[in-house]
Amino acid sequence: YSRYEPQVAQGLTEMFVAGVSTHKVG
């Protein structure tokens, strides 16, 4: 049921925590 490797998912969540907008993360 995962769509990304754990390292990718962790990188995306860290960007959200850092305040990067959803658009920039995309």
mmCIF file of all heavy atoms, coordinates in Angstrom:
data_MODEL
# 
_entry.id   MODEL 
# 
loop_
_atom_site.group_PDB 
_atom_site.id 
_atom_site.type_symbol 
_atom_site.label_atom_id 
_atom_site.label_alt_id 
_atom_site.label_comp_id 
_atom_site.label_asym_id 
_atom_site.label_entity_id 
_atom_site.label_seq_id 
_atom_site.pdbx_PDB_ins_code 
_atom_site.Cartn_x 
_atom_site.Cartn_y 
_atom_site.Cartn_z 
_atom_site.occupancy 
_atom_site.B_iso_or_equiv 
_atom_site.pdbx_formal_charge 
_atom_site.auth_seq_id 
_atom_site.auth_comp_id 
_atom_site.auth_asym_id 
_atom_site.auth_atom_id 
_atom_site.pdbx_PDB_model_num 
ATOM 1   N N   . TYR A 1 1  ? 0.809  -1.226 0.000  1.00 0.00 ? 1  TYR A N   1 
ATOM 2   C CA  . TYR A 1 1  ? 0.000  0.000  0.000  1.00 0.00 ? 1  TYR A CA  1 
ATOM 3   C C   . TYR A 1 1  ? 0.845  1.280  0.000  1.00 0.00 ? 1  TYR A C   1 
ATOM 4   O O   . TYR A 1 1  ? 0.298  2.376  0.074  1.00 0.00 ? 1  TYR A O   1 
ATOM 5   C CB  . TYR A 1 1  ? -0.977 0.041  1.178  1.00 0.00 ? 1  TYR A CB  1 
ATOM 6   C CG  . TYR A 1 1  ? -1.849 -1.180 1.272  1.00 0.00 ? 1  TYR A CG  1 
ATOM 7   C CD1 . TYR A 1 1  ? -1.786 -2.013 2.370  1.00 0.00 ? 1  TYR A CD1 1 
ATOM 8   C CD2 . TYR A 1 1  ? -2.738 -1.513 0.240  1.00 0.00 ? 1  TYR A CD2 1 
ATOM 9   C CE1 . TYR A 1 1  ? -2.591 -3.152 2.457  1.00 0.00 ? 1  TYR A CE1 1 
ATOM 10  C CE2 . TYR A 1 1  ? -3.540 -2.641 0.313  1.00 0.00 ? 1  TYR A CE2 1 
ATOM 11  C CZ  . TYR A 1 1  ? -3.461 -3.453 1.426  1.00 0.00 ? 1  TYR A CZ  1 
ATOM 12  O OH  . TYR A 1 1  ? -4.241 -4.563 1.505  1.00 0.00 ? 1  TYR A OH  1 
ATOM 13  N N   . SER A 1 2  ? 2.154  1.171  -0.040 1.00 0.00 ? 2  SER A N   1 
ATOM 14  C CA  . SER A 1 2  ? 2.992  2.365  -0.094 1.00 0.00 ? 2  SER A CA  1 
ATOM 15  C C   . SER A 1 2  ? 3.167  2.802  -1.541 1.00 0.00 ? 2  SER A C   1 
ATOM 16  O O   . SER A 1 2  ? 3.202  1.978  -2.445 1.00 0.00 ? 2  SER A O   1 
ATOM 17  C CB  . SER A 1 2  ? 4.366  2.092  0.532  1.00 0.00 ? 2  SER A CB  1 
ATOM 18  O OG  . SER A 1 2  ? 4.246  1.815  1.902  1.00 0.00 ? 2  SER A OG  1 
ATOM 19  N N   . ARG A 1 3  ? 3.304  4.113  -1.734 1.00 0.00 ? 3  ARG A N   1 
ATOM 20  C CA  . ARG A 1 3  ? 3.476  4.647  -3.083 1.00 0.00 ? 3  ARG A CA  1 
ATOM 21  C C   . ARG A 1 3  ? 4.861  5.267  -3.275 1.00 0.00 ? 3  ARG A C   1 
ATOM 22  O O   . ARG A 1 3  ? 5.242  5.614  -4.376 1.00 0.00 ? 3  ARG A O   1 
ATOM 23  C CB  . ARG A 1 3  ? 2.398  5.696  -3.373 1.00 0.00 ? 3  ARG A CB  1 
ATOM 24  C CG  . ARG A 1 3  ? 0.979  5.136  -3.284 1.00 0.00 ? 3  ARG A CG  1 
ATOM 25  C CD  . ARG A 1 3  ? -0.053 6.195  -3.649 1.00 0.00 ? 3  ARG A CD  1 
ATOM 26  N NE  . ARG A 1 3  ? 0.079  6.626  -5.032 1.00 0.00 ? 3  ARG A NE  1 
ATOM 27  C CZ  . ARG A 1 3  ? -0.465 6.003  -6.070 1.00 0.00 ? 3  ARG A CZ  1 
ATOM 28  N NH1 . ARG A 1 3  ? -1.162 4.894  -5.875 1.00 0.00 ? 3  ARG A NH1 1 
ATOM 29  N NH2 . ARG A 1 3  ? -0.303 6.452  -7.294 1.00 0.00 ? 3  ARG A NH2 1 
ATOM 30  N N   . TYR A 1 4  ? 5.580  5.453  -2.171 1.00 0.00 ? 4  TYR A N   1 
ATOM 31  C CA  . TYR A 1 4  ? 6.910  6.040  -2.263 1.00 0.00 ? 4  TYR A CA  1 
ATOM 32  C C   . TYR A 1 4  ? 7.869  5.249  -1.387 1.00 0.00 ? 4  TYR A C   1 
ATOM 33  O O   . TYR A 1 4  ? 7.475  4.648  -0.381 1.00 0.00 ? 4  TYR A O   1 
ATOM 34  C CB  . TYR A 1 4  ? 6.901  7.507  -1.781 1.00 0.00 ? 4  TYR A CB  1 
ATOM 35  C CG  . TYR A 1 4  ? 5.985  8.397  -2.553 1.00 0.00 ? 4  TYR A CG  1 
ATOM 36  C CD1 . TYR A 1 4  ? 4.727  8.723  -2.049 1.00 0.00 ? 4  TYR A CD1 1 
ATOM 37  C CD2 . TYR A 1 4  ? 6.361  8.930  -3.781 1.00 0.00 ? 4  TYR A CD2 1 
ATOM 38  C CE1 . TYR A 1 4  ? 3.870  9.545  -2.763 1.00 0.00 ? 4  TYR A CE1 1 
ATOM 39  C CE2 . TYR A 1 4  ? 5.516  9.744  -4.494 1.00 0.00 ? 4  TYR A CE2 1 
ATOM 40  C CZ  . TYR A 1 4  ? 4.271  10.051 -3.984 1.00 0.00 ? 4  TYR A CZ  1 
ATOM 41  O OH  . TYR A 1 4  ? 3.434  10.864 -4.688 1.00 0.00 ? 4  TYR A OH  1 
ATOM 42  N N   . GLU A 1 5  ? 9.146  5.290  -1.743 1.00 0.00 ? 5  GLU A N   1 
ATOM 43  C CA  . GLU A 1 5  ? 10.147 4.714  -0.867 1.00 0.00 ? 5  GLU A CA  1 
ATOM 44  C C   . GLU A 1 5  ? 10.152 5.491  0.457  1.00 0.00 ? 5  GLU A C   1 
ATOM 45  O O   . GLU A 1 5  ? 9.854  6.699  0.477  1.00 0.00 ? 5  GLU A O   1 
ATOM 46  C CB  . GLU A 1 5  ? 11.524 4.791  -1.516 1.00 0.00 ? 5  GLU A CB  1 
ATOM 47  C CG  . GLU A 1 5  ? 11.700 3.874  -2.718 1.00 0.00 ? 5  GLU A CG  1 
ATOM 48  C CD  . GLU A 1 5  ? 13.111 3.915  -3.264 1.00 0.00 ? 5  GLU A CD  1 
ATOM 49  O OE1 . GLU A 1 5  ? 13.884 4.799  -2.823 1.00 0.00 ? 5  GLU A OE1 1 
ATOM 50  O OE2 . GLU A 1 5  ? 13.449 3.068  -4.110 1.00 0.00 ? 5  GLU A OE2 1 
ATOM 51  N N   . PRO A 1 6  ? 10.509 4.824  1.568  1.00 0.00 ? 6  PRO A N   1 
ATOM 52  C CA  . PRO A 1 6  ? 10.486 5.508  2.875  1.00 0.00 ? 6  PRO A CA  1 
ATOM 53  C C   . PRO A 1 6  ? 11.314 6.784  2.889  1.00 0.00 ? 6  PRO A C   1 
ATOM 54  O O   . PRO A 1 6  ? 10.909 7.774  3.495  1.00 0.00 ? 6  PRO A O   1 
ATOM 55  C CB  . PRO A 1 6  ? 11.074 4.448  3.823  1.00 0.00 ? 6  PRO A CB  1 
ATOM 56  C CG  . PRO A 1 6  ? 10.772 3.140  3.161  1.00 0.00 ? 6  PRO A CG  1 
ATOM 57  C CD  . PRO A 1 6  ? 10.864 3.394  1.690  1.00 0.00 ? 6  PRO A CD  1 
ATOM 58  N N   . GLN A 1 7  ? 12.475 6.776  2.194  1.00 0.00 ? 7  GLN A N   1 
ATOM 59  C CA  . GLN A 1 7  ? 13.321 7.968  2.198  1.00 0.00 ? 7  GLN A CA  1 
ATOM 60  C C   . GLN A 1 7  ? 12.634 9.138  1.505  1.00 0.00 ? 7  GLN A C   1 
ATOM 61  O O   . GLN A 1 7  ? 12.762 10.292 1.918  1.00 0.00 ? 7  GLN A O   1 
ATOM 62  C CB  . GLN A 1 7  ? 14.661 7.672  1.507  1.00 0.00 ? 7  GLN A CB  1 
ATOM 63  C CG  . GLN A 1 7  ? 15.526 6.645  2.225  1.00 0.00 ? 7  GLN A CG  1 
ATOM 64  C CD  . GLN A 1 7  ? 15.219 5.223  1.784  1.00 0.00 ? 7  GLN A CD  1 
ATOM 65  O OE1 . GLN A 1 7  ? 14.137 4.960  1.242  1.00 0.00 ? 7  GLN A OE1 1 
ATOM 66  N NE2 . GLN A 1 7  ? 16.161 4.315  2.003  1.00 0.00 ? 7  GLN A NE2 1 
ATOM 67  N N   . VAL A 1 8  ? 11.885 8.831  0.433  1.00 0.00 ? 8  VAL A N   1 
ATOM 68  C CA  . VAL A 1 8  ? 11.162 9.890  -0.284 1.00 0.00 ? 8  VAL A CA  1 
ATOM 69  C C   . VAL A 1 8  ? 10.046 10.444 0.584  1.00 0.00 ? 8  VAL A C   1 
ATOM 70  O O   . VAL A 1 8  ? 9.859  11.660 0.704  1.00 0.00 ? 8  VAL A O   1 
ATOM 71  C CB  . VAL A 1 8  ? 10.591 9.351  -1.614 1.00 0.00 ? 8  VAL A CB  1 
ATOM 72  C CG1 . VAL A 1 8  ? 9.713  10.406 -2.284 1.00 0.00 ? 8  VAL A CG1 1 
ATOM 73  C CG2 . VAL A 1 8  ? 11.722 8.932  -2.537 1.00 0.00 ? 8  VAL A CG2 1 
ATOM 74  N N   . ALA A 1 9  ? 9.273  9.537  1.223  1.00 0.00 ? 9  ALA A N   1 
ATOM 75  C CA  . ALA A 1 9  ? 8.180  9.972  2.091  1.00 0.00 ? 9  ALA A CA  1 
ATOM 76  C C   . ALA A 1 9  ? 8.703  10.824 3.238  1.00 0.00 ? 9  ALA A C   1 
ATOM 77  O O   . ALA A 1 9  ? 8.116  11.858 3.590  1.00 0.00 ? 9  ALA A O   1 
ATOM 78  C CB  . ALA A 1 9  ? 7.429  8.752  2.627  1.00 0.00 ? 9  ALA A CB  1 
ATOM 79  N N   . GLN A 1 10 ? 9.833  10.415 3.822  1.00 0.00 ? 10 GLN A N   1 
ATOM 80  C CA  . GLN A 1 10 ? 10.410 11.176 4.913  1.00 0.00 ? 10 GLN A CA  1 
ATOM 81  C C   . GLN A 1 10 ? 10.854 12.561 4.439  1.00 0.00 ? 10 GLN A C   1 
ATOM 82  O O   . GLN A 1 10 ? 10.651 13.563 5.135  1.00 0.00 ? 10 GLN A O   1 
ATOM 83  C CB  . GLN A 1 10 ? 11.604 10.430 5.514  1.00 0.00 ? 10 GLN A CB  1 
ATOM 84  C CG  . GLN A 1 10 ? 12.244 11.164 6.699  1.00 0.00 ? 10 GLN A CG  1 
ATOM 85  C CD  . GLN A 1 10 ? 13.405 10.396 7.286  1.00 0.00 ? 10 GLN A CD  1 
ATOM 86  O OE1 . GLN A 1 10 ? 13.696 9.274  6.870  1.00 0.00 ? 10 GLN A OE1 1 
ATOM 87  N NE2 . GLN A 1 10 ? 14.084 10.986 8.253  1.00 0.00 ? 10 GLN A NE2 1 
ATOM 88  N N   . GLY A 1 11 ? 11.446 12.621 3.251  1.00 0.00 ? 11 GLY A N   1 
ATOM 89  C CA  . GLY A 1 11 ? 11.873 13.903 2.710  1.00 0.00 ? 11 GLY A CA  1 
ATOM 90  C C   . GLY A 1 11 ? 10.709 14.847 2.481  1.00 0.00 ? 11 GLY A C   1 
ATOM 91  O O   . GLY A 1 11 ? 10.792 16.046 2.776  1.00 0.00 ? 11 GLY A O   1 
ATOM 92  N N   . LEU A 1 12 ? 9.589  14.315 1.967  1.00 0.00 ? 12 LEU A N   1 
ATOM 93  C CA  . LEU A 1 12 ? 8.411  15.140 1.737  1.00 0.00 ? 12 LEU A CA  1 
ATOM 94  C C   . LEU A 1 12 ? 7.833  15.668 3.040  1.00 0.00 ? 12 LEU A C   1 
ATOM 95  O O   . LEU A 1 12 ? 7.475  16.843 3.148  1.00 0.00 ? 12 LEU A O   1 
ATOM 96  C CB  . LEU A 1 12 ? 7.354  14.333 0.973  1.00 0.00 ? 12 LEU A CB  1 
ATOM 97  C CG  . LEU A 1 12 ? 7.715  13.920 -0.461 1.00 0.00 ? 12 LEU A CG  1 
ATOM 98  C CD1 . LEU A 1 12 ? 6.620  13.047 -1.058 1.00 0.00 ? 12 LEU A CD1 1 
ATOM 99  C CD2 . LEU A 1 12 ? 7.953  15.139 -1.337 1.00 0.00 ? 12 LEU A CD2 1 
ATOM 100 N N   . THR A 1 13 ? 7.735  14.800 4.050  1.00 0.00 ? 13 THR A N   1 
ATOM 101 C CA  . THR A 1 13 ? 7.177  15.249 5.334  1.00 0.00 ? 13 THR A CA  1 
ATOM 102 C C   . THR A 1 13 ? 8.088  16.274 5.996  1.00 0.00 ? 13 THR A C   1 
ATOM 103 O O   . THR A 1 13 ? 7.607  17.230 6.616  1.00 0.00 ? 13 THR A O   1 
ATOM 104 C CB  . THR A 1 13 ? 6.960  14.062 6.283  1.00 0.00 ? 13 THR A CB  1 
ATOM 105 O OG1 . THR A 1 13 ? 8.191  13.347 6.457  1.00 0.00 ? 13 THR A OG1 1 
ATOM 106 C CG2 . THR A 1 13 ? 5.912  13.117 5.752  1.00 0.00 ? 13 THR A CG2 1 
ATOM 107 N N   . GLU A 1 14 ? 9.409  16.116 5.872  1.00 0.00 ? 14 GLU A N   1 
ATOM 108 C CA  . GLU A 1 14 ? 10.324 17.091 6.464  1.00 0.00 ? 14 GLU A CA  1 
ATOM 109 C C   . GLU A 1 14 ? 10.184 18.453 5.798  1.00 0.00 ? 14 GLU A C   1 
ATOM 110 O O   . GLU A 1 14 ? 10.333 19.492 6.445  1.00 0.00 ? 14 GLU A O   1 
ATOM 111 C CB  . GLU A 1 14 ? 11.767 16.588 6.368  1.00 0.00 ? 14 GLU A CB  1 
ATOM 112 C CG  . GLU A 1 14 ? 12.068 15.439 7.316  1.00 0.00 ? 14 GLU A CG  1 
ATOM 113 C CD  . GLU A 1 14 ? 13.500 14.955 7.213  1.00 0.00 ? 14 GLU A CD  1 
ATOM 114 O OE1 . GLU A 1 14 ? 14.239 15.478 6.344  1.00 0.00 ? 14 GLU A OE1 1 
ATOM 115 O OE2 . GLU A 1 14 ? 13.877 14.070 7.997  1.00 0.00 ? 14 GLU A OE2 1 
ATOM 116 N N   . MET A 1 15 ? 9.876  18.459 4.502  1.00 0.00 ? 15 MET A N   1 
ATOM 117 C CA  . MET A 1 15 ? 9.647  19.733 3.822  1.00 0.00 ? 15 MET A CA  1 
ATOM 118 C C   . MET A 1 15 ? 8.384  20.405 4.357  1.00 0.00 ? 15 MET A C   1 
ATOM 119 O O   . MET A 1 15 ? 8.349  21.622 4.553  1.00 0.00 ? 15 MET A O   1 
ATOM 120 C CB  . MET A 1 15 ? 9.536  19.518 2.311  1.00 0.00 ? 15 MET A CB  1 
ATOM 121 C CG  . MET A 1 15 ? 10.890 19.341 1.617  1.00 0.00 ? 15 MET A CG  1 
ATOM 122 S SD  . MET A 1 15 ? 10.776 19.413 -0.193 1.00 0.00 ? 15 MET A SD  1 
ATOM 123 C CE  . MET A 1 15 ? 10.117 17.799 -0.549 1.00 0.00 ? 15 MET A CE  1 
ATOM 124 N N   . PHE A 1 16 ? 7.328  19.605 4.612  1.00 0.00 ? 16 PHE A N   1 
ATOM 125 C CA  . PHE A 1 16 ? 6.107  20.178 5.174  1.00 0.00 ? 16 PHE A CA  1 
ATOM 126 C C   . PHE A 1 16 ? 6.368  20.764 6.555  1.00 0.00 ? 16 PHE A C   1 
ATOM 127 O O   . PHE A 1 16 ? 5.916  21.863 6.888  1.00 0.00 ? 16 PHE A O   1 
ATOM 128 C CB  . PHE A 1 16 ? 5.002  19.117 5.261  1.00 0.00 ? 16 PHE A CB  1 
ATOM 129 C CG  . PHE A 1 16 ? 4.392  18.773 3.931  1.00 0.00 ? 16 PHE A CG  1 
ATOM 130 C CD1 . PHE A 1 16 ? 4.453  17.483 3.437  1.00 0.00 ? 16 PHE A CD1 1 
ATOM 131 C CD2 . PHE A 1 16 ? 3.747  19.736 3.161  1.00 0.00 ? 16 PHE A CD2 1 
ATOM 132 C CE1 . PHE A 1 16 ? 3.901  17.158 2.214  1.00 0.00 ? 16 PHE A CE1 1 
ATOM 133 C CE2 . PHE A 1 16 ? 3.191  19.422 1.941  1.00 0.00 ? 16 PHE A CE2 1 
ATOM 134 C CZ  . PHE A 1 16 ? 3.272  18.130 1.457  1.00 0.00 ? 16 PHE A CZ  1 
ATOM 135 N N   . VAL A 1 17 ? 7.120  20.020 7.401  1.00 0.00 ? 17 VAL A N   1 
ATOM 136 C CA  . VAL A 1 17 ? 7.442  20.497 8.743  1.00 0.00 ? 17 VAL A CA  1 
ATOM 137 C C   . VAL A 1 17 ? 8.241  21.784 8.684  1.00 0.00 ? 17 VAL A C   1 
ATOM 138 O O   . VAL A 1 17 ? 8.076  22.680 9.509  1.00 0.00 ? 17 VAL A O   1 
ATOM 139 C CB  . VAL A 1 17 ? 8.218  19.418 9.528  1.00 0.00 ? 17 VAL A CB  1 
ATOM 140 C CG1 . VAL A 1 17 ? 8.731  19.975 10.852 1.00 0.00 ? 17 VAL A CG1 1 
ATOM 141 C CG2 . VAL A 1 17 ? 7.330  18.207 9.776  1.00 0.00 ? 17 VAL A CG2 1 
ATOM 142 N N   . ALA A 1 18 ? 9.119  21.893 7.683  1.00 0.00 ? 18 ALA A N   1 
ATOM 143 C CA  . ALA A 1 18 ? 9.950  23.087 7.535  1.00 0.00 ? 18 ALA A CA  1 
ATOM 144 C C   . ALA A 1 18 ? 9.171  24.288 7.018  1.00 0.00 ? 18 ALA A C   1 
ATOM 145 O O   . ALA A 1 18 ? 9.712  25.378 6.926  1.00 0.00 ? 18 ALA A O   1 
ATOM 146 C CB  . ALA A 1 18 ? 11.119 22.795 6.598  1.00 0.00 ? 18 ALA A CB  1 
ATOM 147 N N   . GLY A 1 19 ? 7.894  24.083 6.675  1.00 0.00 ? 19 GLY A N   1 
ATOM 148 C CA  . GLY A 1 19 ? 7.070  25.201 6.247  1.00 0.00 ? 19 GLY A CA  1 
ATOM 149 C C   . GLY A 1 19 ? 7.017  25.421 4.753  1.00 0.00 ? 19 GLY A C   1 
ATOM 150 O O   . GLY A 1 19 ? 6.509  26.439 4.290  1.00 0.00 ? 19 GLY A O   1 
ATOM 151 N N   . VAL A 1 20 ? 7.534  24.474 3.979  1.00 0.00 ? 20 VAL A N   1 
ATOM 152 C CA  . VAL A 1 20 ? 7.473  24.585 2.515  1.00 0.00 ? 20 VAL A CA  1 
ATOM 153 C C   . VAL A 1 20 ? 6.034  24.360 2.074  1.00 0.00 ? 20 VAL A C   1 
ATOM 154 O O   . VAL A 1 20 ? 5.359  23.453 2.554  1.00 0.00 ? 20 VAL A O   1 
ATOM 155 C CB  . VAL A 1 20 ? 8.405  23.551 1.846  1.00 0.00 ? 20 VAL A CB  1 
ATOM 156 C CG1 . VAL A 1 20 ? 8.337  23.667 0.333  1.00 0.00 ? 20 VAL A CG1 1 
ATOM 157 C CG2 . VAL A 1 20 ? 9.831  23.746 2.332  1.00 0.00 ? 20 VAL A CG2 1 
ATOM 158 N N   . SER A 1 21 ? 5.547  25.196 1.165  1.00 0.00 ? 21 SER A N   1 
ATOM 159 C CA  . SER A 1 21 ? 4.159  25.090 0.716  1.00 0.00 ? 21 SER A CA  1 
ATOM 160 C C   . SER A 1 21 ? 3.927  23.800 -0.055 1.00 0.00 ? 21 SER A C   1 
ATOM 161 O O   . SER A 1 21 ? 4.865  23.200 -0.606 1.00 0.00 ? 21 SER A O   1 
ATOM 162 C CB  . SER A 1 21 ? 3.794  26.287 -0.164 1.00 0.00 ? 21 SER A CB  1 
ATOM 163 O OG  . SER A 1 21 ? 4.508  26.227 -1.392 1.00 0.00 ? 21 SER A OG  1 
ATOM 164 N N   . THR A 1 22 ? 2.661  23.361 -0.105 1.00 0.00 ? 22 THR A N   1 
ATOM 165 C CA  . THR A 1 22 ? 2.302  22.157 -0.845 1.00 0.00 ? 22 THR A CA  1 
ATOM 166 C C   . THR A 1 22 ? 2.728  22.271 -2.305 1.00 0.00 ? 22 THR A C   1 
ATOM 167 O O   . THR A 1 22 ? 3.222  21.308 -2.905 1.00 0.00 ? 22 THR A O   1 
ATOM 168 C CB  . THR A 1 22 ? 0.785  21.916 -0.766 1.00 0.00 ? 22 THR A CB  1 
ATOM 169 O OG1 . THR A 1 22 ? 0.410  21.812 0.608  1.00 0.00 ? 22 THR A OG1 1 
ATOM 170 C CG2 . THR A 1 22 ? 0.386  20.648 -1.490 1.00 0.00 ? 22 THR A CG2 1 
ATOM 171 N N   . HIS A 1 23 ? 2.563  23.452 -2.877 1.00 0.00 ? 23 HIS A N   1 
ATOM 172 C CA  . HIS A 1 23 ? 2.934  23.675 -4.273 1.00 0.00 ? 23 HIS A CA  1 
ATOM 173 C C   . HIS A 1 23 ? 4.429  23.472 -4.475 1.00 0.00 ? 23 HIS A C   1 
ATOM 174 O O   . HIS A 1 23 ? 4.856  22.806 -5.435 1.00 0.00 ? 23 HIS A O   1 
ATOM 175 C CB  . HIS A 1 23 ? 2.522  25.083 -4.694 1.00 0.00 ? 23 HIS A CB  1 
ATOM 176 C CG  . HIS A 1 23 ? 2.886  25.422 -6.114 1.00 0.00 ? 23 HIS A CG  1 
ATOM 177 N ND1 . HIS A 1 23 ? 2.263  24.841 -7.202 1.00 0.00 ? 23 HIS A ND1 1 
ATOM 178 C CD2 . HIS A 1 23 ? 3.821  26.280 -6.615 1.00 0.00 ? 23 HIS A CD2 1 
ATOM 179 C CE1 . HIS A 1 23 ? 2.788  25.320 -8.312 1.00 0.00 ? 23 HIS A CE1 1 
ATOM 180 N NE2 . HIS A 1 23 ? 3.736  26.196 -7.989 1.00 0.00 ? 23 HIS A NE2 1 
ATOM 181 N N   . LYS A 1 24 ? 5.240  24.024 -3.568 1.00 0.00 ? 24 LYS A N   1 
ATOM 182 C CA  . LYS A 1 24 ? 6.695  23.891 -3.691 1.00 0.00 ? 24 LYS A CA  1 
ATOM 183 C C   . LYS A 1 24 ? 7.124  22.440 -3.512 1.00 0.00 ? 24 LYS A C   1 
ATOM 184 O O   . LYS A 1 24 ? 8.020  21.952 -4.204 1.00 0.00 ? 24 LYS A O   1 
ATOM 185 C CB  . LYS A 1 24 ? 7.391  24.769 -2.644 1.00 0.00 ? 24 LYS A CB  1 
ATOM 186 C CG  . LYS A 1 24 ? 7.271  26.268 -2.894 1.00 0.00 ? 24 LYS A CG  1 
ATOM 187 C CD  . LYS A 1 24 ? 8.079  26.684 -4.120 1.00 0.00 ? 24 LYS A CD  1 
ATOM 188 C CE  . LYS A 1 24 ? 8.055  28.198 -4.290 1.00 0.00 ? 24 LYS A CE  1 
ATOM 189 N NZ  . LYS A 1 24 ? 8.794  28.631 -5.501 1.00 0.00 ? 24 LYS A NZ  1 
ATOM 190 N N   . VAL A 1 25 ? 6.481  21.743 -2.551 1.00 0.00 ? 25 VAL A N   1 
ATOM 191 C CA  . VAL A 1 25 ? 6.801  20.330 -2.348 1.00 0.00 ? 25 VAL A CA  1 
ATOM 192 C C   . VAL A 1 25 ? 6.509  19.544 -3.622 1.00 0.00 ? 25 VAL A C   1 
ATOM 193 O O   . VAL A 1 25 ? 7.285  18.674 -4.036 1.00 0.00 ? 25 VAL A O   1 
ATOM 194 C CB  . VAL A 1 25 ? 5.999  19.749 -1.167 1.00 0.00 ? 25 VAL A CB  1 
ATOM 195 C CG1 . VAL A 1 25 ? 6.158  18.226 -1.093 1.00 0.00 ? 25 VAL A CG1 1 
ATOM 196 C CG2 . VAL A 1 25 ? 6.464  20.375 0.145  1.00 0.00 ? 25 VAL A CG2 1 
ATOM 197 N N   . GLY A 1 26 ? 5.370  19.849 -4.251 1.00 0.00 ? 26 GLY A N   1 
ATOM 198 C CA  . GLY A 1 26 ? 5.018  19.179 -5.500 1.00 0.00 ? 26 GLY A CA  1 
ATOM 199 C C   . GLY A 1 26 ? 6.032  19.432 -6.591 1.00 0.00 ? 26 GLY A C   1 
ATOM 200 O O   . GLY A 1 26 ? 6.393  18.525 -7.352 1.00 0.00 ? 26 GLY A O   1 
# 
